[in-house]
Amino acid sequence: QVQLVESGGGLVQPGGSLRLSCAASGSIFSIYDMGWYRQAPGNQRELVAGITHICVPNYKDSVKGRFTISRDNAKNTVYLQMNSLKPEDTAVYYCYYRPSIIQRPVWGQGTQVTVSS
């Protein structure tokens, strides 16, 4: 059983920054990629950023230049540095990992990010 433990969400003013962390623990044999999805009320869950086991990142267009994803393979941990936050970034952010490219994601419990003045 693999668990994903997220931290770092909260309330921030527009233009502010937050850093999300997600640590994977348990019976981990391989990790193809890890990253973050988000879901705002009434919207579908969408990919924000992912990073592969060889540290190739992938970003949603609207966060490019503002968000940075990084990964510590030794700790099975992924980070999302979010700068210049906007109200439209408000959502529940879910960490995920995939053991391989053909397997479905394993999800964290989610952490709320609210950008508001």
N, C-alpha and C. Protein backbone atom coordinates (compact mmCIF):
# COMPACT_ATOMS: atom_id res chain seq x y z
N GLN A 1 0.86 -1.20 0.00
CA GLN A 1 0.00 0.00 0.00
C GLN A 1 0.89 1.24 0.00
N VAL A 2 0.60 2.15 -0.93
CA VAL A 2 1.36 3.39 -1.04
C VAL A 2 0.51 4.54 -0.53
N GLN A 3 1.11 5.42 0.23
CA GLN A 3 0.43 6.62 0.72
C GLN A 3 1.14 7.86 0.20
N LEU A 4 0.34 8.86 -0.15
CA LEU A 4 0.86 10.17 -0.54
C LEU A 4 0.41 11.17 0.50
N VAL A 5 1.37 11.85 1.11
CA VAL A 5 1.06 12.83 2.15
C VAL A 5 1.43 14.21 1.63
N GLU A 6 0.43 15.07 1.53
CA GLU A 6 0.60 16.41 0.99
C GLU A 6 0.66 17.44 2.10
N SER A 7 1.34 18.53 1.82
CA SER A 7 1.38 19.65 2.75
C SER A 7 1.65 20.93 1.99
N GLY A 8 1.34 22.07 2.63
CA GLY A 8 1.73 23.35 2.06
C GLY A 8 0.61 24.20 1.50
N GLY A 9 -0.61 23.71 1.50
CA GLY A 9 -1.70 24.53 1.00
C GLY A 9 -2.06 25.63 1.98
N GLY A 10 -2.99 26.51 1.57
CA GLY A 10 -3.42 27.57 2.46
C GLY A 10 -4.03 28.73 1.71
N LEU A 11 -4.16 29.84 2.43
CA LEU A 11 -4.73 31.07 1.89
C LEU A 11 -3.60 32.06 1.60
N VAL A 12 -3.62 32.65 0.43
CA VAL A 12 -2.58 33.60 0.05
C VAL A 12 -3.22 34.70 -0.79
N GLN A 13 -2.65 35.88 -0.73
CA GLN A 13 -3.15 36.99 -1.52
C GLN A 13 -2.68 36.87 -2.98
N PRO A 14 -3.41 37.46 -3.91
CA PRO A 14 -2.95 37.47 -5.30
C PRO A 14 -1.53 38.03 -5.41
N GLY A 15 -0.72 37.36 -6.22
CA GLY A 15 0.68 37.73 -6.35
C GLY A 15 1.59 37.02 -5.37
N GLY A 16 1.02 36.33 -4.42
CA GLY A 16 1.81 35.64 -3.41
C GLY A 16 2.32 34.29 -3.88
N SER A 17 2.97 33.58 -2.95
CA SER A 17 3.59 32.30 -3.26
C SER A 17 3.21 31.24 -2.23
N LEU A 18 3.20 30.01 -2.69
CA LEU A 18 3.04 28.84 -1.82
C LEU A 18 3.91 27.73 -2.37
N ARG A 19 4.31 26.83 -1.48
CA ARG A 19 5.07 25.65 -1.89
C ARG A 19 4.37 24.41 -1.38
N LEU A 20 3.96 23.55 -2.31
CA LEU A 20 3.34 22.28 -1.96
C LEU A 20 4.38 21.18 -1.95
N SER A 21 4.21 20.24 -1.02
CA SER A 21 5.08 19.08 -0.94
C SER A 21 4.22 17.82 -0.92
N CYS A 22 4.76 16.75 -1.47
CA CYS A 22 4.05 15.47 -1.45
C CYS A 22 5.08 14.36 -1.32
N ALA A 23 4.97 13.60 -0.25
CA ALA A 23 5.89 12.51 0.01
C ALA A 23 5.16 11.18 -0.16
N ALA A 24 5.77 10.29 -0.92
CA ALA A 24 5.22 8.96 -1.12
C ALA A 24 5.91 7.98 -0.19
N SER A 25 5.11 7.13 0.45
CA SER A 25 5.68 6.13 1.34
C SER A 25 4.93 4.82 1.18
N GLY A 26 5.56 3.73 1.64
CA GLY A 26 4.94 2.42 1.53
C GLY A 26 5.69 1.53 0.56
N SER A 27 4.96 0.61 -0.06
CA SER A 27 5.56 -0.37 -0.95
C SER A 27 5.73 0.20 -2.35
N ILE A 28 6.79 0.99 -2.49
CA ILE A 28 7.06 1.65 -3.76
C ILE A 28 8.17 0.89 -4.47
N PHE A 29 7.85 0.32 -5.63
CA PHE A 29 8.85 -0.41 -6.40
C PHE A 29 9.39 0.44 -7.54
N SER A 30 8.55 1.29 -8.05
CA SER A 30 8.99 2.18 -9.11
C SER A 30 8.05 3.37 -9.18
N ILE A 31 8.58 4.47 -9.66
CA ILE A 31 7.76 5.67 -9.90
C ILE A 31 8.10 6.18 -11.29
N TYR A 32 7.12 6.15 -12.17
CA TYR A 32 7.34 6.71 -13.50
C TYR A 32 7.28 8.23 -13.45
N ASP A 33 6.19 8.75 -12.90
CA ASP A 33 6.10 10.19 -12.74
C ASP A 33 5.28 10.55 -11.51
N MET A 34 5.46 11.76 -11.07
CA MET A 34 4.70 12.33 -9.96
C MET A 34 4.31 13.74 -10.33
N GLY A 35 3.33 14.26 -9.61
CA GLY A 35 2.97 15.64 -9.90
C GLY A 35 1.69 16.05 -9.22
N TRP A 36 1.04 17.04 -9.83
CA TRP A 36 -0.12 17.66 -9.22
C TRP A 36 -1.24 17.90 -10.23
N TYR A 37 -2.45 17.54 -9.82
CA TYR A 37 -3.66 17.95 -10.50
C TYR A 37 -4.38 18.94 -9.57
N ARG A 38 -5.34 19.62 -10.12
CA ARG A 38 -6.18 20.47 -9.28
C ARG A 38 -7.62 20.40 -9.76
N GLN A 39 -8.53 20.70 -8.83
CA GLN A 39 -9.95 20.70 -9.16
C GLN A 39 -10.63 21.84 -8.43
N ALA A 40 -11.21 22.74 -9.21
CA ALA A 40 -11.99 23.84 -8.67
C ALA A 40 -13.46 23.43 -8.67
N PRO A 41 -14.28 24.03 -7.83
CA PRO A 41 -15.70 23.67 -7.78
C PRO A 41 -16.36 23.80 -9.15
N GLY A 42 -17.07 22.74 -9.55
CA GLY A 42 -17.76 22.75 -10.82
C GLY A 42 -16.89 22.43 -12.02
N ASN A 43 -15.60 22.21 -11.78
CA ASN A 43 -14.68 21.93 -12.88
C ASN A 43 -14.15 20.51 -12.79
N GLN A 44 -13.63 20.02 -13.93
CA GLN A 44 -12.98 18.73 -13.92
C GLN A 44 -11.58 18.84 -13.35
N ARG A 45 -11.08 17.72 -12.87
CA ARG A 45 -9.71 17.69 -12.39
C ARG A 45 -8.77 17.88 -13.58
N GLU A 46 -7.77 18.73 -13.43
CA GLU A 46 -6.85 19.02 -14.53
C GLU A 46 -5.41 18.92 -14.07
N LEU A 47 -4.56 18.51 -15.01
CA LEU A 47 -3.14 18.41 -14.71
C LEU A 47 -2.54 19.80 -14.59
N VAL A 48 -1.81 20.03 -13.51
CA VAL A 48 -1.10 21.29 -13.31
C VAL A 48 0.36 21.13 -13.72
N ALA A 49 1.00 20.12 -13.18
CA ALA A 49 2.40 19.87 -13.51
C ALA A 49 2.76 18.45 -13.12
N GLY A 50 3.63 17.84 -13.92
CA GLY A 50 4.14 16.52 -13.63
C GLY A 50 5.62 16.47 -13.92
N ILE A 51 6.30 15.49 -13.33
CA ILE A 51 7.73 15.34 -13.58
C ILE A 51 8.06 13.86 -13.59
N THR A 52 8.81 13.44 -14.60
CA THR A 52 9.12 12.03 -14.75
C THR A 52 10.30 11.62 -13.86
N HIS A 53 10.57 10.30 -13.87
CA HIS A 53 11.66 9.76 -13.05
C HIS A 53 13.02 10.28 -13.49
N ILE A 54 13.11 10.80 -14.72
CA ILE A 54 14.37 11.40 -15.17
C ILE A 54 14.26 12.93 -15.16
N CYS A 55 13.26 13.42 -14.38
CA CYS A 55 13.12 14.85 -14.11
C CYS A 55 12.79 15.69 -15.34
N VAL A 56 11.99 15.14 -16.23
CA VAL A 56 11.46 15.93 -17.34
C VAL A 56 10.11 16.50 -16.90
N PRO A 57 9.98 17.83 -16.84
CA PRO A 57 8.74 18.43 -16.35
C PRO A 57 7.72 18.66 -17.47
N ASN A 58 6.49 18.79 -17.06
CA ASN A 58 5.39 19.09 -17.97
C ASN A 58 4.45 20.01 -17.22
N TYR A 59 4.01 21.12 -17.85
CA TYR A 59 3.18 22.10 -17.19
C TYR A 59 1.92 22.42 -17.98
N LYS A 60 0.86 22.72 -17.26
CA LYS A 60 -0.32 23.32 -17.87
C LYS A 60 0.09 24.70 -18.39
N ASP A 61 -0.42 25.08 -19.55
CA ASP A 61 0.02 26.33 -20.17
C ASP A 61 -0.15 27.53 -19.25
N SER A 62 -1.25 27.58 -18.52
CA SER A 62 -1.56 28.79 -17.74
C SER A 62 -0.65 28.96 -16.52
N VAL A 63 0.14 27.94 -16.18
CA VAL A 63 1.04 28.07 -15.02
C VAL A 63 2.51 28.16 -15.43
N LYS A 64 2.78 28.01 -16.71
CA LYS A 64 4.17 28.10 -17.17
C LYS A 64 4.76 29.46 -16.82
N GLY A 65 5.98 29.45 -16.30
CA GLY A 65 6.63 30.68 -15.91
C GLY A 65 6.29 31.13 -14.50
N ARG A 66 5.27 30.52 -13.90
CA ARG A 66 4.89 30.88 -12.52
C ARG A 66 5.10 29.74 -11.55
N PHE A 67 4.88 28.52 -12.01
CA PHE A 67 5.02 27.34 -11.16
C PHE A 67 6.26 26.56 -11.57
N THR A 68 6.90 25.95 -10.57
CA THR A 68 8.05 25.11 -10.83
C THR A 68 7.91 23.80 -10.06
N ILE A 69 8.01 22.70 -10.78
CA ILE A 69 7.93 21.39 -10.14
C ILE A 69 9.33 20.81 -10.03
N SER A 70 9.58 20.15 -8.91
CA SER A 70 10.87 19.50 -8.70
C SER A 70 10.65 18.21 -7.94
N ARG A 71 11.70 17.41 -7.90
CA ARG A 71 11.54 16.06 -7.35
C ARG A 71 12.82 15.63 -6.66
N ASP A 72 12.65 14.97 -5.51
CA ASP A 72 13.77 14.37 -4.78
C ASP A 72 13.55 12.86 -4.83
N ASN A 73 14.26 12.19 -5.74
CA ASN A 73 14.04 10.75 -5.92
C ASN A 73 14.42 9.95 -4.68
N ALA A 74 15.43 10.40 -3.97
CA ALA A 74 15.86 9.67 -2.78
C ALA A 74 14.79 9.68 -1.70
N LYS A 75 13.98 10.73 -1.68
CA LYS A 75 12.93 10.86 -0.67
C LYS A 75 11.54 10.55 -1.23
N ASN A 76 11.46 10.19 -2.51
CA ASN A 76 10.16 9.95 -3.16
C ASN A 76 9.21 11.13 -2.90
N THR A 77 9.74 12.32 -3.07
CA THR A 77 8.98 13.54 -2.77
C THR A 77 8.98 14.46 -3.97
N VAL A 78 7.83 15.09 -4.19
CA VAL A 78 7.70 16.06 -5.27
C VAL A 78 7.24 17.39 -4.67
N TYR A 79 7.74 18.47 -5.24
CA TYR A 79 7.44 19.81 -4.75
C TYR A 79 6.83 20.64 -5.89
N LEU A 80 5.97 21.56 -5.51
CA LEU A 80 5.43 22.51 -6.49
C LEU A 80 5.56 23.91 -5.90
N GLN A 81 6.48 24.67 -6.45
CA GLN A 81 6.64 26.06 -6.05
C GLN A 81 5.72 26.90 -6.91
N MET A 82 4.81 27.61 -6.28
CA MET A 82 3.81 28.40 -6.99
C MET A 82 4.02 29.88 -6.68
N ASN A 83 4.39 30.64 -7.68
CA ASN A 83 4.62 32.07 -7.54
C ASN A 83 3.58 32.84 -8.36
N SER A 84 3.47 34.12 -8.07
CA SER A 84 2.54 35.00 -8.79
C SER A 84 1.16 34.38 -8.87
N LEU A 85 0.68 33.92 -7.75
CA LEU A 85 -0.61 33.23 -7.71
C LEU A 85 -1.76 34.16 -8.08
N LYS A 86 -2.75 33.57 -8.76
CA LYS A 86 -3.92 34.31 -9.21
C LYS A 86 -5.18 33.69 -8.59
N PRO A 87 -6.25 34.46 -8.51
CA PRO A 87 -7.50 33.89 -7.97
C PRO A 87 -7.94 32.63 -8.72
N GLU A 88 -7.66 32.57 -10.02
CA GLU A 88 -8.07 31.39 -10.79
C GLU A 88 -7.22 30.16 -10.49
N ASP A 89 -6.20 30.29 -9.68
CA ASP A 89 -5.44 29.13 -9.22
C ASP A 89 -6.10 28.46 -8.02
N THR A 90 -7.14 29.08 -7.50
CA THR A 90 -7.85 28.52 -6.35
C THR A 90 -8.47 27.18 -6.70
N ALA A 91 -8.13 26.16 -5.92
CA ALA A 91 -8.62 24.80 -6.17
C ALA A 91 -8.11 23.88 -5.07
N VAL A 92 -8.61 22.66 -5.09
CA VAL A 92 -7.98 21.60 -4.30
C VAL A 92 -6.90 20.98 -5.17
N TYR A 93 -5.70 20.92 -4.65
CA TYR A 93 -4.56 20.37 -5.38
C TYR A 93 -4.31 18.94 -4.89
N TYR A 94 -4.27 18.03 -5.86
CA TYR A 94 -4.08 16.61 -5.57
C TYR A 94 -2.72 16.15 -6.09
N CYS A 95 -1.96 15.56 -5.21
CA CYS A 95 -0.72 14.92 -5.62
C CYS A 95 -1.05 13.56 -6.25
N TYR A 96 -0.22 13.15 -7.20
CA TYR A 96 -0.41 11.82 -7.78
C TYR A 96 0.96 11.22 -8.07
N TYR A 97 0.99 9.90 -8.21
CA TYR A 97 2.15 9.25 -8.80
C TYR A 97 1.67 8.06 -9.64
N ARG A 98 2.45 7.70 -10.63
CA ARG A 98 2.17 6.53 -11.44
C ARG A 98 3.36 5.59 -11.38
N PRO A 99 3.11 4.32 -11.07
CA PRO A 99 4.23 3.36 -11.04
C PRO A 99 4.83 3.13 -12.43
N SER A 100 4.00 3.21 -13.46
CA SER A 100 4.49 3.08 -14.82
C SER A 100 3.58 3.91 -15.73
N ILE A 101 4.00 4.08 -16.96
CA ILE A 101 3.27 4.95 -17.88
C ILE A 101 1.89 4.39 -18.22
N ILE A 102 1.70 3.09 -18.07
CA ILE A 102 0.42 2.50 -18.46
C ILE A 102 -0.52 2.32 -17.28
N GLN A 103 -0.09 2.64 -16.08
CA GLN A 103 -0.93 2.44 -14.91
C GLN A 103 -1.64 3.73 -14.49
N ARG A 104 -2.77 3.56 -13.84
CA ARG A 104 -3.54 4.72 -13.38
C ARG A 104 -2.82 5.39 -12.22
N PRO A 105 -3.10 6.69 -12.03
CA PRO A 105 -2.46 7.40 -10.92
C PRO A 105 -2.96 6.93 -9.57
N VAL A 106 -2.10 7.05 -8.60
CA VAL A 106 -2.45 6.92 -7.18
C VAL A 106 -2.55 8.34 -6.65
N TRP A 107 -3.62 8.62 -5.89
CA TRP A 107 -3.90 10.00 -5.49
C TRP A 107 -3.63 10.26 -4.01
N GLY A 108 -3.24 11.50 -3.72
CA GLY A 108 -3.21 11.98 -2.36
C GLY A 108 -4.60 12.45 -1.94
N GLN A 109 -4.69 12.95 -0.71
CA GLN A 109 -6.00 13.33 -0.17
C GLN A 109 -6.43 14.72 -0.62
N GLY A 110 -5.50 15.51 -1.12
CA GLY A 110 -5.81 16.85 -1.60
C GLY A 110 -5.50 17.91 -0.55
N THR A 111 -5.09 19.06 -1.03
CA THR A 111 -4.83 20.20 -0.14
C THR A 111 -5.42 21.46 -0.79
N GLN A 112 -6.10 22.26 0.02
CA GLN A 112 -6.78 23.43 -0.51
C GLN A 112 -5.81 24.59 -0.70
N VAL A 113 -5.88 25.20 -1.87
CA VAL A 113 -5.15 26.44 -2.15
C VAL A 113 -6.18 27.50 -2.50
N THR A 114 -6.18 28.59 -1.73
CA THR A 114 -7.12 29.69 -1.96
C THR A 114 -6.33 30.97 -2.18
N VAL A 115 -6.58 31.61 -3.31
CA VAL A 115 -5.92 32.87 -3.64
C VAL A 115 -6.98 33.96 -3.62
N SER A 116 -6.90 34.81 -2.61
CA SER A 116 -7.93 35.83 -2.44
C SER A 116 -7.40 36.98 -1.61
N SER A 117 -7.90 38.17 -1.91
CA SER A 117 -7.53 39.34 -1.11
C SER A 117 -8.55 39.57 0.00
